[in-house]
PDB file of all heavy atoms in Angstrom:
ATOM      1  N   GLN A   1       0.828  -1.204   0.000  1.00  0.00           N
ATOM      2  CA  GLN A   1       0.000   0.000   0.000  1.00  0.00           C
ATOM      3  C   GLN A   1       0.867   1.260   0.000  1.00  0.00           C
ATOM      4  O   GLN A   1       0.553   2.240  -0.691  1.00  0.00           O
ATOM      5  CB  GLN A   1      -0.922  -0.004   1.216  1.00  0.00           C
ATOM      6  CG  GLN A   1      -2.014  -1.067   1.161  1.00  0.00           C
ATOM      7  CD  GLN A   1      -2.748  -1.231   2.475  1.00  0.00           C
ATOM      8  OE1 GLN A   1      -2.231  -0.876   3.541  1.00  0.00           O
ATOM      9  NE2 GLN A   1      -3.952  -1.774   2.421  1.00  0.00           N
ATOM     10  N   LYS A   2       1.953   1.220   0.760  1.00  0.00           N
ATOM     11  CA  LYS A   2       2.854   2.373   0.816  1.00  0.00           C
ATOM     12  C   LYS A   2       3.500   2.631  -0.542  1.00  0.00           C
ATOM     13  O   LYS A   2       3.616   3.787  -0.984  1.00  0.00           O
ATOM     14  CB  LYS A   2       3.926   2.141   1.878  1.00  0.00           C
ATOM     15  CG  LYS A   2       4.858   3.330   2.079  1.00  0.00           C
ATOM     16  CD  LYS A   2       5.875   3.066   3.185  1.00  0.00           C
ATOM     17  CE  LYS A   2       6.814   4.257   3.356  1.00  0.00           C
ATOM     18  NZ  LYS A   2       7.837   3.994   4.400  1.00  0.00           N
ATOM     19  N   LEU A   3       3.920   1.556  -1.222  1.00  0.00           N
ATOM     20  CA  LEU A   3       4.496   1.703  -2.560  1.00  0.00           C
ATOM     21  C   LEU A   3       3.484   2.335  -3.510  1.00  0.00           C
ATOM     22  O   LEU A   3       3.823   3.237  -4.292  1.00  0.00           O
ATOM     23  CB  LEU A   3       4.933   0.335  -3.080  1.00  0.00           C
ATOM     24  CG  LEU A   3       5.425   0.288  -4.531  1.00  0.00           C
ATOM     25  CD1 LEU A   3       6.726   1.057  -4.677  1.00  0.00           C
ATOM     26  CD2 LEU A   3       5.599  -1.155  -4.986  1.00  0.00           C
ATOM     27  N   ILE A   4       2.257   1.871  -3.446  1.00  0.00           N
ATOM     28  CA  ILE A   4       1.201   2.399  -4.316  1.00  0.00           C
ATOM     29  C   ILE A   4       0.950   3.872  -4.033  1.00  0.00           C
ATOM     30  O   ILE A   4       0.751   4.674  -4.958  1.00  0.00           O
ATOM     31  CB  ILE A   4      -0.083   1.563  -4.149  1.00  0.00           C
ATOM     32  CG1 ILE A   4       0.131   0.161  -4.732  1.00  0.00           C
ATOM     33  CG2 ILE A   4      -1.276   2.248  -4.804  1.00  0.00           C
ATOM     34  CD1 ILE A   4      -0.962  -0.819  -4.399  1.00  0.00           C
ATOM     35  N   GLU A   5       0.983   4.264  -2.768  1.00  0.00           N
ATOM     36  CA  GLU A   5       0.780   5.665  -2.406  1.00  0.00           C
ATOM     37  C   GLU A   5       1.888   6.558  -2.965  1.00  0.00           C
ATOM     38  O   GLU A   5       1.656   7.719  -3.299  1.00  0.00           O
ATOM     39  CB  GLU A   5       0.721   5.806  -0.886  1.00  0.00           C
ATOM     40  CG  GLU A   5      -0.549   5.220  -0.279  1.00  0.00           C
ATOM     41  CD  GLU A   5      -0.464   5.053   1.228  1.00  0.00           C
ATOM     42  OE1 GLU A   5       0.576   5.473   1.809  1.00  0.00           O
ATOM     43  OE2 GLU A   5      -1.412   4.517   1.830  1.00  0.00           O
ATOM     44  N   GLU A   6       3.098   6.020  -3.068  1.00  0.00           N
ATOM     45  CA  GLU A   6       4.222   6.787  -3.600  1.00  0.00           C
ATOM     46  C   GLU A   6       4.131   6.963  -5.109  1.00  0.00           C
ATOM     47  O   GLU A   6       4.649   7.950  -5.652  1.00  0.00           O
ATOM     48  CB  GLU A   6       5.541   6.097  -3.246  1.00  0.00           C
ATOM     49  CG  GLU A   6       5.871   6.089  -1.764  1.00  0.00           C
ATOM     50  CD  GLU A   6       7.109   5.257  -1.452  1.00  0.00           C
ATOM     51  OE1 GLU A   6       7.654   4.646  -2.401  1.00  0.00           O
ATOM     52  OE2 GLU A   6       7.530   5.234  -0.284  1.00  0.00           O
ATOM     53  N   ILE A   7       3.499   6.026  -5.783  1.00  0.00           N
ATOM     54  CA  ILE A   7       3.532   5.995  -7.244  1.00  0.00           C
ATOM     55  C   ILE A   7       2.215   6.429  -7.887  1.00  0.00           C
ATOM     56  O   ILE A   7       2.216   7.105  -8.918  1.00  0.00           O
ATOM     57  CB  ILE A   7       3.911   4.578  -7.724  1.00  0.00           C
ATOM     58  CG1 ILE A   7       5.342   4.257  -7.302  1.00  0.00           C
ATOM     59  CG2 ILE A   7       3.742   4.433  -9.233  1.00  0.00           C
ATOM     60  CD1 ILE A   7       5.778   2.851  -7.611  1.00  0.00           C
ATOM     61  N   CYS A   8       1.108   6.052  -7.299  1.00  0.00           N
ATOM     62  CA  CYS A   8      -0.197   6.262  -7.933  1.00  0.00           C
ATOM     63  C   CYS A   8      -0.862   7.549  -7.445  1.00  0.00           C
ATOM     64  O   CYS A   8      -0.699   7.933  -6.296  1.00  0.00           O
ATOM     65  CB  CYS A   8      -1.117   5.071  -7.663  1.00  0.00           C
ATOM     66  SG  CYS A   8      -0.495   3.522  -8.337  1.00  0.00           S
ATOM     67  N   PRO A   9      -1.641   8.191  -8.291  1.00  0.00           N
ATOM     68  CA  PRO A   9      -2.305   9.440  -7.904  1.00  0.00           C
ATOM     69  C   PRO A   9      -3.392   9.208  -6.868  1.00  0.00           C
ATOM     70  O   PRO A   9      -4.013   8.143  -6.817  1.00  0.00           O
ATOM     71  CB  PRO A   9      -2.905   9.934  -9.229  1.00  0.00           C
ATOM     72  CG  PRO A   9      -3.093   8.693 -10.046  1.00  0.00           C
ATOM     73  CD  PRO A   9      -1.954   7.794  -9.678  1.00  0.00           C
ATOM     74  N   ALA A  10      -3.629  10.219  -6.060  1.00  0.00           N
ATOM     75  CA  ALA A  10      -4.719  10.164  -5.091  1.00  0.00           C
ATOM     76  C   ALA A  10      -6.031  10.489  -5.790  1.00  0.00           C
ATOM     77  O   ALA A  10      -6.061  10.943  -6.930  1.00  0.00           O
ATOM     78  CB  ALA A  10      -4.448  11.152  -3.962  1.00  0.00           C
ATOM     79  N   GLY A  11      -7.131  10.242  -5.099  1.00  0.00           N
ATOM     80  CA  GLY A  11      -8.431  10.581  -5.644  1.00  0.00           C
ATOM     81  C   GLY A  11      -9.055   9.439  -6.416  1.00  0.00           C
ATOM     82  O   GLY A  11      -8.572   8.298  -6.409  1.00  0.00           O
ATOM     83  N   SER A  12     -10.133   9.768  -7.110  1.00  0.00           N
ATOM     84  CA  SER A  12     -10.908   8.766  -7.830  1.00  0.00           C
ATOM     85  C   SER A  12     -10.511   8.707  -9.301  1.00  0.00           C
ATOM     86  O   SER A  12      -9.745   9.546  -9.791  1.00  0.00           O
ATOM     87  CB  SER A  12     -12.399   9.090  -7.733  1.00  0.00           C
ATOM     88  OG  SER A  12     -12.708  10.239  -8.514  1.00  0.00           O
ATOM     89  N   PHE A  13     -11.062   7.732  -9.998  1.00  0.00           N
ATOM     90  CA  PHE A  13     -10.808   7.597 -11.427  1.00  0.00           C
ATOM     91  C   PHE A  13     -11.330   8.820 -12.181  1.00  0.00           C
ATOM     92  O   PHE A  13     -10.741   9.231 -13.189  1.00  0.00           O
ATOM     93  CB  PHE A  13     -11.476   6.324 -11.965  1.00  0.00           C
ATOM     94  CG  PHE A  13     -10.782   5.064 -11.568  1.00  0.00           C
ATOM     95  CD1 PHE A  13     -10.959   4.513 -10.302  1.00  0.00           C
ATOM     96  CD2 PHE A  13      -9.940   4.406 -12.452  1.00  0.00           C
ATOM     97  CE1 PHE A  13     -10.316   3.352  -9.929  1.00  0.00           C
ATOM     98  CE2 PHE A  13      -9.289   3.239 -12.091  1.00  0.00           C
ATOM     99  CZ  PHE A  13      -9.477   2.708 -10.825  1.00  0.00           C
ATOM    100  N   ALA A  14     -12.425   9.380 -11.705  1.00  0.00           N
ATOM    101  CA  ALA A  14     -13.011  10.549 -12.363  1.00  0.00           C
ATOM    102  C   ALA A  14     -12.103  11.768 -12.279  1.00  0.00           C
ATOM    103  O   ALA A  14     -12.241  12.703 -13.077  1.00  0.00           O
ATOM    104  CB  ALA A  14     -14.367  10.866 -11.742  1.00  0.00           C
ATOM    105  N   ASP A  15     -11.172  11.783 -11.335  1.00  0.00           N
ATOM    106  CA  ASP A  15     -10.279  12.930 -11.163  1.00  0.00           C
ATOM    107  C   ASP A  15      -9.079  12.898 -12.107  1.00  0.00           C
ATOM    108  O   ASP A  15      -8.355  13.889 -12.210  1.00  0.00           O
ATOM    109  CB  ASP A  15      -9.749  12.975  -9.717  1.00  0.00           C
ATOM    110  CG  ASP A  15     -10.849  13.173  -8.693  1.00  0.00           C
ATOM    111  OD1 ASP A  15     -11.833  13.865  -9.020  1.00  0.00           O
ATOM    112  OD2 ASP A  15     -10.732  12.624  -7.575  1.00  0.00           O
ATOM    113  N   LEU A  16      -8.848  11.782 -12.778  1.00  0.00           N
ATOM    114  CA  LEU A  16      -7.634  11.619 -13.575  1.00  0.00           C
ATOM    115  C   LEU A  16      -7.716  12.345 -14.911  1.00  0.00           C
ATOM    116  O   LEU A  16      -8.784  12.405 -15.533  1.00  0.00           O
ATOM    117  CB  LEU A  16      -7.379  10.133 -13.836  1.00  0.00           C
ATOM    118  CG  LEU A  16      -7.083   9.260 -12.611  1.00  0.00           C
ATOM    119  CD1 LEU A  16      -6.993   7.798 -13.018  1.00  0.00           C
ATOM    120  CD2 LEU A  16      -5.795   9.704 -11.934  1.00  0.00           C
ATOM    121  N   PRO A  17      -6.598  12.877 -15.390  1.00  0.00           N
ATOM    122  CA  PRO A  17      -6.568  13.506 -16.713  1.00  0.00           C
ATOM    123  C   PRO A  17      -6.580  12.496 -17.853  1.00  0.00           C
ATOM    124  O   PRO A  17      -6.838  12.849 -18.997  1.00  0.00           O
ATOM    125  CB  PRO A  17      -5.258  14.295 -16.699  1.00  0.00           C
ATOM    126  CG  PRO A  17      -4.388  13.562 -15.736  1.00  0.00           C
ATOM    127  CD  PRO A  17      -5.311  13.027 -14.677  1.00  0.00           C
ATOM    128  N   GLN A  18      -6.280  11.251 -17.562  1.00  0.00           N
ATOM    129  CA  GLN A  18      -6.227  10.170 -18.557  1.00  0.00           C
ATOM    130  C   GLN A  18      -7.190   9.070 -18.122  1.00  0.00           C
ATOM    131  O   GLN A  18      -7.216   8.674 -16.950  1.00  0.00           O
ATOM    132  CB  GLN A  18      -4.800   9.609 -18.625  1.00  0.00           C
ATOM    133  CG  GLN A  18      -4.659   8.251 -19.261  1.00  0.00           C
ATOM    134  CD  GLN A  18      -4.654   8.315 -20.779  1.00  0.00           C
ATOM    135  OE1 GLN A  18      -3.826   8.994 -21.364  1.00  0.00           O
ATOM    136  NE2 GLN A  18      -5.588   7.619 -21.403  1.00  0.00           N
ATOM    137  N   ARG A  19      -7.982   8.544 -19.038  1.00  0.00           N
ATOM    138  CA  ARG A  19      -8.911   7.484 -18.680  1.00  0.00           C
ATOM    139  C   ARG A  19      -8.131   6.223 -18.307  1.00  0.00           C
ATOM    140  O   ARG A  19      -7.233   5.786 -19.024  1.00  0.00           O
ATOM    141  CB  ARG A  19      -9.857   7.187 -19.842  1.00  0.00           C
ATOM    142  CG  ARG A  19     -10.978   6.226 -19.438  1.00  0.00           C
ATOM    143  CD  ARG A  19     -11.918   5.958 -20.575  1.00  0.00           C
ATOM    144  NE  ARG A  19     -12.894   4.949 -20.174  1.00  0.00           N
ATOM    145  CZ  ARG A  19     -13.434   4.079 -20.999  1.00  0.00           C
ATOM    146  NH1 ARG A  19     -13.111   4.094 -22.286  1.00  0.00           N
ATOM    147  NH2 ARG A  19     -14.315   3.203 -20.562  1.00  0.00           N
ATOM    148  N   LEU A  20      -8.511   5.626 -17.183  1.00  0.00           N
ATOM    149  CA  LEU A  20      -7.809   4.474 -16.624  1.00  0.00           C
ATOM    150  C   LEU A  20      -8.802   3.379 -16.263  1.00  0.00           C
ATOM    151  O   LEU A  20      -9.872   3.655 -15.716  1.00  0.00           O
ATOM    152  CB  LEU A  20      -7.035   4.900 -15.366  1.00  0.00           C
ATOM    153  CG  LEU A  20      -6.425   3.796 -14.492  1.00  0.00           C
ATOM    154  CD1 LEU A  20      -5.270   3.105 -15.225  1.00  0.00           C
ATOM    155  CD2 LEU A  20      -5.968   4.362 -13.151  1.00  0.00           C
ATOM    156  N   LEU A  21      -8.423   2.128 -16.540  1.00  0.00           N
ATOM    157  CA  LEU A  21      -9.185   0.962 -16.111  1.00  0.00           C
ATOM    158  C   LEU A  21      -8.259   0.053 -15.317  1.00  0.00           C
ATOM    159  O   LEU A  21      -7.145  -0.239 -15.757  1.00  0.00           O
ATOM    160  CB  LEU A  21      -9.744   0.193 -17.313  1.00  0.00           C
ATOM    161  CG  LEU A  21     -10.688   0.948 -18.253  1.00  0.00           C
ATOM    162  CD1 LEU A  21     -11.076   0.052 -19.429  1.00  0.00           C
ATOM    163  CD2 LEU A  21     -11.915   1.442 -17.517  1.00  0.00           C
ATOM    164  N   VAL A  22      -8.707  -0.385 -14.155  1.00  0.00           N
ATOM    165  CA  VAL A  22      -7.921  -1.277 -13.296  1.00  0.00           C
ATOM    166  C   VAL A  22      -8.682  -2.589 -13.132  1.00  0.00           C
ATOM    167  O   VAL A  22      -9.824  -2.594 -12.649  1.00  0.00           O
ATOM    168  CB  VAL A  22      -7.638  -0.624 -11.926  1.00  0.00           C
ATOM    169  CG1 VAL A  22      -7.038  -1.647 -10.958  1.00  0.00           C
ATOM    170  CG2 VAL A  22      -6.686   0.556 -12.105  1.00  0.00           C
ATOM    171  N   ASN A  23      -8.047  -3.676 -13.508  1.00  0.00           N
ATOM    172  CA  ASN A  23      -8.689  -4.982 -13.549  1.00  0.00           C
ATOM    173  C   ASN A  23      -8.519  -5.742 -12.242  1.00  0.00           C
ATOM    174  O   ASN A  23      -7.405  -5.922 -11.756  1.00  0.00           O
ATOM    175  CB  ASN A  23      -8.087  -5.794 -14.704  1.00  0.00           C
ATOM    176  CG  ASN A  23      -8.766  -7.124 -14.890  1.00  0.00           C
ATOM    177  OD1 ASN A  23      -9.982  -7.237 -14.741  1.00  0.00           O
ATOM    178  ND2 ASN A  23      -7.989  -8.141 -15.216  1.00  0.00           N
ATOM    179  N   THR A  24      -9.639  -6.180 -11.663  1.00  0.00           N
ATOM    180  CA  THR A  24      -9.623  -6.981 -10.441  1.00  0.00           C
ATOM    181  C   THR A  24     -10.649  -8.103 -10.569  1.00  0.00           C
ATOM    182  O   THR A  24     -11.385  -8.179 -11.549  1.00  0.00           O
ATOM    183  CB  THR A  24      -9.974  -6.135  -9.193  1.00  0.00           C
ATOM    184  OG1 THR A  24     -11.359  -5.774  -9.253  1.00  0.00           O
ATOM    185  CG2 THR A  24      -9.122  -4.876  -9.120  1.00  0.00           C
ATOM    186  N   VAL A  25     -10.687  -8.964  -9.553  1.00  0.00           N
ATOM    187  CA  VAL A  25     -11.689 -10.028  -9.478  1.00  0.00           C
ATOM    188  C   VAL A  25     -12.337  -9.991  -8.105  1.00  0.00           C
ATOM    189  O   VAL A  25     -11.646  -9.891  -7.088  1.00  0.00           O
ATOM    190  CB  VAL A  25     -11.053 -11.413  -9.722  1.00  0.00           C
ATOM    191  CG1 VAL A  25     -12.012 -12.529  -9.347  1.00  0.00           C
ATOM    192  CG2 VAL A  25     -10.645 -11.562 -11.185  1.00  0.00           C
TER     193      VAL A  25
END
């Protein structure tokens, strides 16, 4: 989680300047 916080943007998908899809199950 700490690594992800360092690398990935905060906020929701709607806040991003680029459309993003994250695949989970």
